[in-house]
Structures are given as C-alpha cells and as structure tokens.
Amino acid sequence: MTGYGTLRNWVWCEDCLEWKDADEVSFVGIEEDSYGKDVLTFDCDKCKNENKNNIVSSPTRPRG
C-alpha cells in the first residue's frame, strides 16, 4: 500500500472521465508541452482508447 507521502503519477482518461495511475495504463509515448510539463500518451486499460494528457504527481488520486 502506498504511504501518504509517496508521490504517484496520475493521468486523466477523457473517455472514462476518471484519473488513472500512470503505472496502470499502457504506455505509448511521452513528450513535453510548451510549458515544459510532461505529457503522456497512453492506452486506457479500461476503455482501450488512446489518450494524451499532462501527468499530475500526487500521493492520492486527484479530485475532479
């Protein structure tokens, strides 16, 4: 189990409308946006669709 202070990487699936642990999706690619933030391209293991979103680091699942 993850301790409260341990950061995890989260990505938003536009089709499932939920946050996914970046370790639990199928990695396609990674790049930087114009602000230097990491953008992950991934295949959602639940809906099987490809998504491309910023990575959010947080010890708990982000809200929203």
PDB file of N, CA and C in Angstrom:
ATOM      1  N   MET A   1       0.846  -1.190   0.000  1.00  0.00           N
ATOM      2  CA  MET A   1       0.000   0.000   0.000  1.00  0.00           C
ATOM      3  C   MET A   1       0.882   1.239   0.000  1.00  0.00           C
ATOM      4  N   THR A   2       0.466   2.273  -0.676  1.00  0.00           N
ATOM      5  CA  THR A   2       1.234   3.496  -0.799  1.00  0.00           C
ATOM      6  C   THR A   2       1.082   4.346   0.449  1.00  0.00           C
ATOM      7  N   GLY A   3       2.213   4.808   0.973  1.00  0.00           N
ATOM      8  CA  GLY A   3       2.164   5.720   2.113  1.00  0.00           C
ATOM      9  C   GLY A   3       1.657   7.077   1.668  1.00  0.00           C
ATOM     10  N   TYR A   4       1.158   7.861   2.596  1.00  0.00           N
ATOM     11  CA  TYR A   4       0.553   9.143   2.249  1.00  0.00           C
ATOM     12  C   TYR A   4       1.542  10.100   1.613  1.00  0.00           C
ATOM     13  N   GLY A   5       2.831  10.020   1.980  1.00  0.00           N
ATOM     14  CA  GLY A   5       3.806  10.954   1.457  1.00  0.00           C
ATOM     15  C   GLY A   5       4.455  10.527   0.156  1.00  0.00           C
ATOM     16  N   THR A   6       4.184   9.334  -0.325  1.00  0.00           N
ATOM     17  CA  THR A   6       4.799   8.840  -1.553  1.00  0.00           C
ATOM     18  C   THR A   6       4.047   9.366  -2.765  1.00  0.00           C
ATOM     19  N   LEU A   7       4.772  10.074  -3.646  1.00  0.00           N
ATOM     20  CA  LEU A   7       4.121  10.616  -4.838  1.00  0.00           C
ATOM     21  C   LEU A   7       3.891   9.530  -5.876  1.00  0.00           C
ATOM     22  N   ARG A   8       2.745   9.601  -6.521  1.00  0.00           N
ATOM     23  CA  ARG A   8       2.406   8.724  -7.636  1.00  0.00           C
ATOM     24  C   ARG A   8       2.041   9.608  -8.810  1.00  0.00           C
ATOM     25  N   ASN A   9       2.173   9.090 -10.014  1.00  0.00           N
ATOM     26  CA  ASN A   9       1.825   9.839 -11.222  1.00  0.00           C
ATOM     27  C   ASN A   9       0.438   9.433 -11.690  1.00  0.00           C
ATOM     28  N   TRP A  10      -0.385  10.442 -12.014  1.00  0.00           N
ATOM     29  CA  TRP A  10      -1.771  10.233 -12.421  1.00  0.00           C
ATOM     30  C   TRP A  10      -2.015  10.874 -13.772  1.00  0.00           C
ATOM     31  N   VAL A  11      -2.856  10.249 -14.580  1.00  0.00           N
ATOM     32  CA  VAL A  11      -3.276  10.807 -15.872  1.00  0.00           C
ATOM     33  C   VAL A  11      -4.803  10.718 -15.966  1.00  0.00           C
ATOM     34  N   TRP A  12      -5.401  11.642 -16.711  1.00  0.00           N
ATOM     35  CA  TRP A  12      -6.846  11.723 -16.858  1.00  0.00           C
ATOM     36  C   TRP A  12      -7.280  11.036 -18.145  1.00  0.00           C
ATOM     37  N   CYS A  13      -8.219  10.098 -18.039  1.00  0.00           N
ATOM     38  CA  CYS A  13      -8.792   9.449 -19.216  1.00  0.00           C
ATOM     39  C   CYS A  13     -10.024  10.243 -19.632  1.00  0.00           C
ATOM     40  N   GLU A  14      -9.974  10.811 -20.838  1.00  0.00           N
ATOM     41  CA  GLU A  14     -11.075  11.631 -21.358  1.00  0.00           C
ATOM     42  C   GLU A  14     -12.335  10.811 -21.644  1.00  0.00           C
ATOM     43  N   ASP A  15     -12.187   9.519 -21.846  1.00  0.00           N
ATOM     44  CA  ASP A  15     -13.345   8.681 -22.173  1.00  0.00           C
ATOM     45  C   ASP A  15     -14.005   8.093 -20.926  1.00  0.00           C
ATOM     46  N   CYS A  16     -13.208   7.621 -19.988  1.00  0.00           N
ATOM     47  CA  CYS A  16     -13.748   7.072 -18.733  1.00  0.00           C
ATOM     48  C   CYS A  16     -14.123   8.176 -17.748  1.00  0.00           C
ATOM     49  N   LEU A  17     -13.560   9.375 -17.967  1.00  0.00           N
ATOM     50  CA  LEU A  17     -13.750  10.522 -17.072  1.00  0.00           C
ATOM     51  C   LEU A  17     -13.304  10.202 -15.648  1.00  0.00           C
ATOM     52  N   GLU A  18     -12.083   9.639 -15.549  1.00  0.00           N
ATOM     53  CA  GLU A  18     -11.518   9.358 -14.236  1.00  0.00           C
ATOM     54  C   GLU A  18      -9.999   9.362 -14.290  1.00  0.00           C
ATOM     55  N   TRP A  19      -9.391   9.585 -13.126  1.00  0.00           N
ATOM     56  CA  TRP A  19      -7.948   9.573 -13.004  1.00  0.00           C
ATOM     57  C   TRP A  19      -7.444   8.141 -12.980  1.00  0.00           C
ATOM     58  N   LYS A  20      -6.347   7.901 -13.678  1.00  0.00           N
ATOM     59  CA  LYS A  20      -5.722   6.583 -13.740  1.00  0.00           C
ATOM     60  C   LYS A  20      -4.296   6.694 -13.208  1.00  0.00           C
ATOM     61  N   ASP A  21      -3.866   5.702 -12.453  1.00  0.00           N
ATOM     62  CA  ASP A  21      -2.473   5.627 -12.034  1.00  0.00           C
ATOM     63  C   ASP A  21      -1.640   5.392 -13.294  1.00  0.00           C
ATOM     64  N   ALA A  22      -0.629   6.209 -13.514  1.00  0.00           N
ATOM     65  CA  ALA A  22       0.169   6.103 -14.737  1.00  0.00           C
ATOM     66  C   ALA A  22       0.857   4.748 -14.860  1.00  0.00           C
ATOM     67  N   ASP A  23       1.063   4.046 -13.738  1.00  0.00           N
ATOM     68  CA  ASP A  23       1.668   2.716 -13.784  1.00  0.00           C
ATOM     69  C   ASP A  23       0.670   1.648 -14.230  1.00  0.00           C
ATOM     70  N   GLU A  24      -0.618   1.998 -14.284  1.00  0.00           N
ATOM     71  CA  GLU A  24      -1.657   1.024 -14.605  1.00  0.00           C
ATOM     72  C   GLU A  24      -2.293   1.248 -15.974  1.00  0.00           C
ATOM     73  N   VAL A  25      -1.655   2.042 -16.835  1.00  0.00           N
ATOM     74  CA  VAL A  25      -2.120   2.239 -18.205  1.00  0.00           C
ATOM     75  C   VAL A  25      -1.013   1.776 -19.148  1.00  0.00           C
ATOM     76  N   SER A  26      -1.351   1.560 -20.389  1.00  0.00           N
ATOM     77  CA  SER A  26      -0.372   1.094 -21.366  1.00  0.00           C
ATOM     78  C   SER A  26       0.343   2.289 -21.990  1.00  0.00           C
ATOM     79  N   PHE A  27       1.625   2.395 -21.717  1.00  0.00           N
ATOM     80  CA  PHE A  27       2.461   3.493 -22.170  1.00  0.00           C
ATOM     81  C   PHE A  27       2.598   3.479 -23.690  1.00  0.00           C
ATOM     82  N   VAL A  28       2.367   4.644 -24.333  1.00  0.00           N
ATOM     83  CA  VAL A  28       2.563   4.794 -25.773  1.00  0.00           C
ATOM     84  C   VAL A  28       3.742   5.732 -26.032  1.00  0.00           C
ATOM     85  N   GLY A  29       3.785   6.873 -25.336  1.00  0.00           N
ATOM     86  CA  GLY A  29       4.864   7.826 -25.527  1.00  0.00           C
ATOM     87  C   GLY A  29       4.792   8.949 -24.513  1.00  0.00           C
ATOM     88  N   ILE A  30       5.880   9.733 -24.426  1.00  0.00           N
ATOM     89  CA  ILE A  30       5.923  10.875 -23.518  1.00  0.00           C
ATOM     90  C   ILE A  30       6.659  12.013 -24.213  1.00  0.00           C
ATOM     91  N   GLU A  31       6.198  13.235 -23.959  1.00  0.00           N
ATOM     92  CA  GLU A  31       6.823  14.429 -24.529  1.00  0.00           C
ATOM     93  C   GLU A  31       6.584  15.590 -23.584  1.00  0.00           C
ATOM     94  N   GLU A  32       7.140  16.746 -23.897  1.00  0.00           N
ATOM     95  CA  GLU A  32       6.921  17.950 -23.105  1.00  0.00           C
ATOM     96  C   GLU A  32       6.003  18.898 -23.860  1.00  0.00           C
ATOM     97  N   ASP A  33       5.131  19.589 -23.104  1.00  0.00           N
ATOM     98  CA  ASP A  33       4.319  20.616 -23.738  1.00  0.00           C
ATOM     99  C   ASP A  33       5.126  21.915 -23.809  1.00  0.00           C
ATOM    100  N   SER A  34       4.530  22.995 -24.282  1.00  0.00           N
ATOM    101  CA  SER A  34       5.248  24.260 -24.465  1.00  0.00           C
ATOM    102  C   SER A  34       5.671  24.900 -23.144  1.00  0.00           C
ATOM    103  N   TYR A  35       5.129  24.414 -22.014  1.00  0.00           N
ATOM    104  CA  TYR A  35       5.490  24.926 -20.695  1.00  0.00           C
ATOM    105  C   TYR A  35       6.496  24.027 -19.979  1.00  0.00           C
ATOM    106  N   GLY A  36       6.924  22.949 -20.626  1.00  0.00           N
ATOM    107  CA  GLY A  36       7.899  22.043 -20.029  1.00  0.00           C
ATOM    108  C   GLY A  36       7.294  20.943 -19.168  1.00  0.00           C
ATOM    109  N   LYS A  37       5.964  20.829 -19.162  1.00  0.00           N
ATOM    110  CA  LYS A  37       5.308  19.767 -18.386  1.00  0.00           C
ATOM    111  C   LYS A  37       5.284  18.476 -19.210  1.00  0.00           C
ATOM    112  N   ASP A  38       5.396  17.343 -18.507  1.00  0.00           N
ATOM    113  CA  ASP A  38       5.341  16.050 -19.187  1.00  0.00           C
ATOM    114  C   ASP A  38       3.923  15.737 -19.640  1.00  0.00           C
ATOM    115  N   VAL A  39       3.800  15.290 -20.882  1.00  0.00           N
ATOM    116  CA  VAL A  39       2.521  14.874 -21.454  1.00  0.00           C
ATOM    117  C   VAL A  39       2.656  13.400 -21.831  1.00  0.00           C
ATOM    118  N   LEU A  40       1.785  12.582 -21.276  1.00  0.00           N
ATOM    119  CA  LEU A  40       1.841  11.143 -21.512  1.00  0.00           C
ATOM    120  C   LEU A  40       0.774  10.735 -22.520  1.00  0.00           C
ATOM    121  N   THR A  41       1.170   9.983 -23.521  1.00  0.00           N
ATOM    122  CA  THR A  41       0.226   9.351 -24.439  1.00  0.00           C
ATOM    123  C   THR A  41       0.108   7.905 -23.982  1.00  0.00           C
ATOM    124  N   PHE A  42      -1.135   7.467 -23.747  1.00  0.00           N
ATOM    125  CA  PHE A  42      -1.354   6.132 -23.187  1.00  0.00           C
ATOM    126  C   PHE A  42      -2.635   5.516 -23.711  1.00  0.00           C
ATOM    127  N   ASP A  43      -2.698   4.206 -23.647  1.00  0.00           N
ATOM    128  CA  ASP A  43      -3.926   3.467 -23.930  1.00  0.00           C
ATOM    129  C   ASP A  43      -4.545   3.095 -22.598  1.00  0.00           C
ATOM    130  N   CYS A  44      -5.797   3.500 -22.388  1.00  0.00           N
ATOM    131  CA  CYS A  44      -6.504   3.176 -21.153  1.00  0.00           C
ATOM    132  C   CYS A  44      -6.805   1.679 -21.137  1.00  0.00           C
ATOM    133  N   ASP A  45      -6.473   1.017 -20.049  1.00  0.00           N
ATOM    134  CA  ASP A  45      -6.713  -0.419 -19.952  1.00  0.00           C
ATOM    135  C   ASP A  45      -8.198  -0.743 -19.773  1.00  0.00           C
ATOM    136  N   LYS A  46      -9.004   0.243 -19.378  1.00  0.00           N
ATOM    137  CA  LYS A  46     -10.432   0.009 -19.167  1.00  0.00           C
ATOM    138  C   LYS A  46     -11.231   0.203 -20.464  1.00  0.00           C
ATOM    139  N   CYS A  47     -11.102   1.390 -21.107  1.00  0.00           N
ATOM    140  CA  CYS A  47     -11.900   1.674 -22.302  1.00  0.00           C
ATOM    141  C   CYS A  47     -11.156   1.378 -23.598  1.00  0.00           C
ATOM    142  N   LYS A  48      -9.842   1.111 -23.497  1.00  0.00           N
ATOM    143  CA  LYS A  48      -8.991   0.750 -24.648  1.00  0.00           C
ATOM    144  C   LYS A  48      -8.753   1.890 -25.633  1.00  0.00           C
ATOM    145  N   ASN A  49      -9.113   3.130 -25.271  1.00  0.00           N
ATOM    146  CA  ASN A  49      -8.895   4.273 -26.146  1.00  0.00           C
ATOM    147  C   ASN A  49      -7.573   4.954 -25.830  1.00  0.00           C
ATOM    148  N   GLU A  50      -6.979   5.582 -26.851  1.00  0.00           N
ATOM    149  CA  GLU A  50      -5.734   6.315 -26.656  1.00  0.00           C
ATOM    150  C   GLU A  50      -6.041   7.719 -26.163  1.00  0.00           C
ATOM    151  N   ASN A  51      -5.286   8.172 -25.155  1.00  0.00           N
ATOM    152  CA  ASN A  51      -5.435   9.497 -24.574  1.00  0.00           C
ATOM    153  C   ASN A  51      -4.081  10.168 -24.507  1.00  0.00           C
ATOM    154  N   LYS A  52      -4.099  11.501 -24.394  1.00  0.00           N
ATOM    155  CA  LYS A  52      -2.865  12.277 -24.275  1.00  0.00           C
ATOM    156  C   LYS A  52      -3.130  13.399 -23.283  1.00  0.00           C
ATOM    157  N   ASN A  53      -2.495  13.324 -22.099  1.00  0.00           N
ATOM    158  CA  ASN A  53      -2.749  14.308 -21.055  1.00  0.00           C
ATOM    159  C   ASN A  53      -1.518  14.560 -20.213  1.00  0.00           C
ATOM    160  N   ASN A  54      -1.541  15.702 -19.507  1.00  0.00           N
ATOM    161  CA  ASN A  54      -0.474  16.035 -18.576  1.00  0.00           C
ATOM    162  C   ASN A  54      -0.428  15.026 -17.439  1.00  0.00           C
ATOM    163  N   ILE A  55       0.761  14.820 -16.902  1.00  0.00           N
ATOM    164  CA  ILE A  55       0.952  13.955 -15.751  1.00  0.00           C
ATOM    165  C   ILE A  55       0.843  14.810 -14.496  1.00  0.00           C
ATOM    166  N   VAL A  56       0.067  14.347 -13.514  1.00  0.00           N
ATOM    167  CA  VAL A  56      -0.071  15.028 -12.231  1.00  0.00           C
ATOM    168  C   VAL A  56       0.550  14.129 -11.173  1.00  0.00           C
ATOM    169  N   SER A  57       1.483  14.667 -10.389  1.00  0.00           N
ATOM    170  CA  SER A  57       2.098  13.903  -9.309  1.00  0.00           C
ATOM    171  C   SER A  57       1.417  14.268  -7.995  1.00  0.00           C
ATOM    172  N   SER A  58       0.909  13.244  -7.310  1.00  0.00           N
ATOM    173  CA  SER A  58       0.191  13.448  -6.058  1.00  0.00           C
ATOM    174  C   SER A  58       0.217  12.136  -5.277  1.00  0.00           C
ATOM    175  N   PRO A  59       0.257  12.210  -3.923  1.00  0.00           N
ATOM    176  CA  PRO A  59       0.223  10.976  -3.143  1.00  0.00           C
ATOM    177  C   PRO A  59      -1.145  10.289  -3.172  1.00  0.00           C
ATOM    178  N   THR A  60      -2.206  11.042  -3.492  1.00  0.00           N
ATOM    179  CA  THR A  60      -3.549  10.475  -3.567  1.00  0.00           C
ATOM    180  C   THR A  60      -4.165  10.812  -4.923  1.00  0.00           C
ATOM    181  N   ARG A  61      -5.217  10.090  -5.276  1.00  0.00           N
ATOM    182  CA  ARG A  61      -5.908  10.328  -6.553  1.00  0.00           C
ATOM    183  C   ARG A  61      -6.429  11.768  -6.587  1.00  0.00           C
ATOM    184  N   PRO A  62      -6.111  12.530  -7.641  1.00  0.00           N
ATOM    185  CA  PRO A  62      -6.618  13.905  -7.736  1.00  0.00           C
ATOM    186  C   PRO A  62      -8.143  13.932  -7.794  1.00  0.00           C
ATOM    187  N   ARG A  63      -8.716  15.036  -7.386  1.00  0.00           N
ATOM    188  CA  ARG A  63     -10.167  15.206  -7.453  1.00  0.00           C
ATOM    189  C   ARG A  63     -10.523  15.912  -8.742  1.00  0.00           C
ATOM    190  N   GLY A  64     -11.705  15.621  -9.237  1.00  0.00           N
ATOM    191  CA  GLY A  64     -12.175  16.360 -10.409  1.00  0.00           C
ATOM    192  C   GLY A  64     -12.429  15.573 -11.604  1.00  0.00           C
TER     193      GLY A  64
END
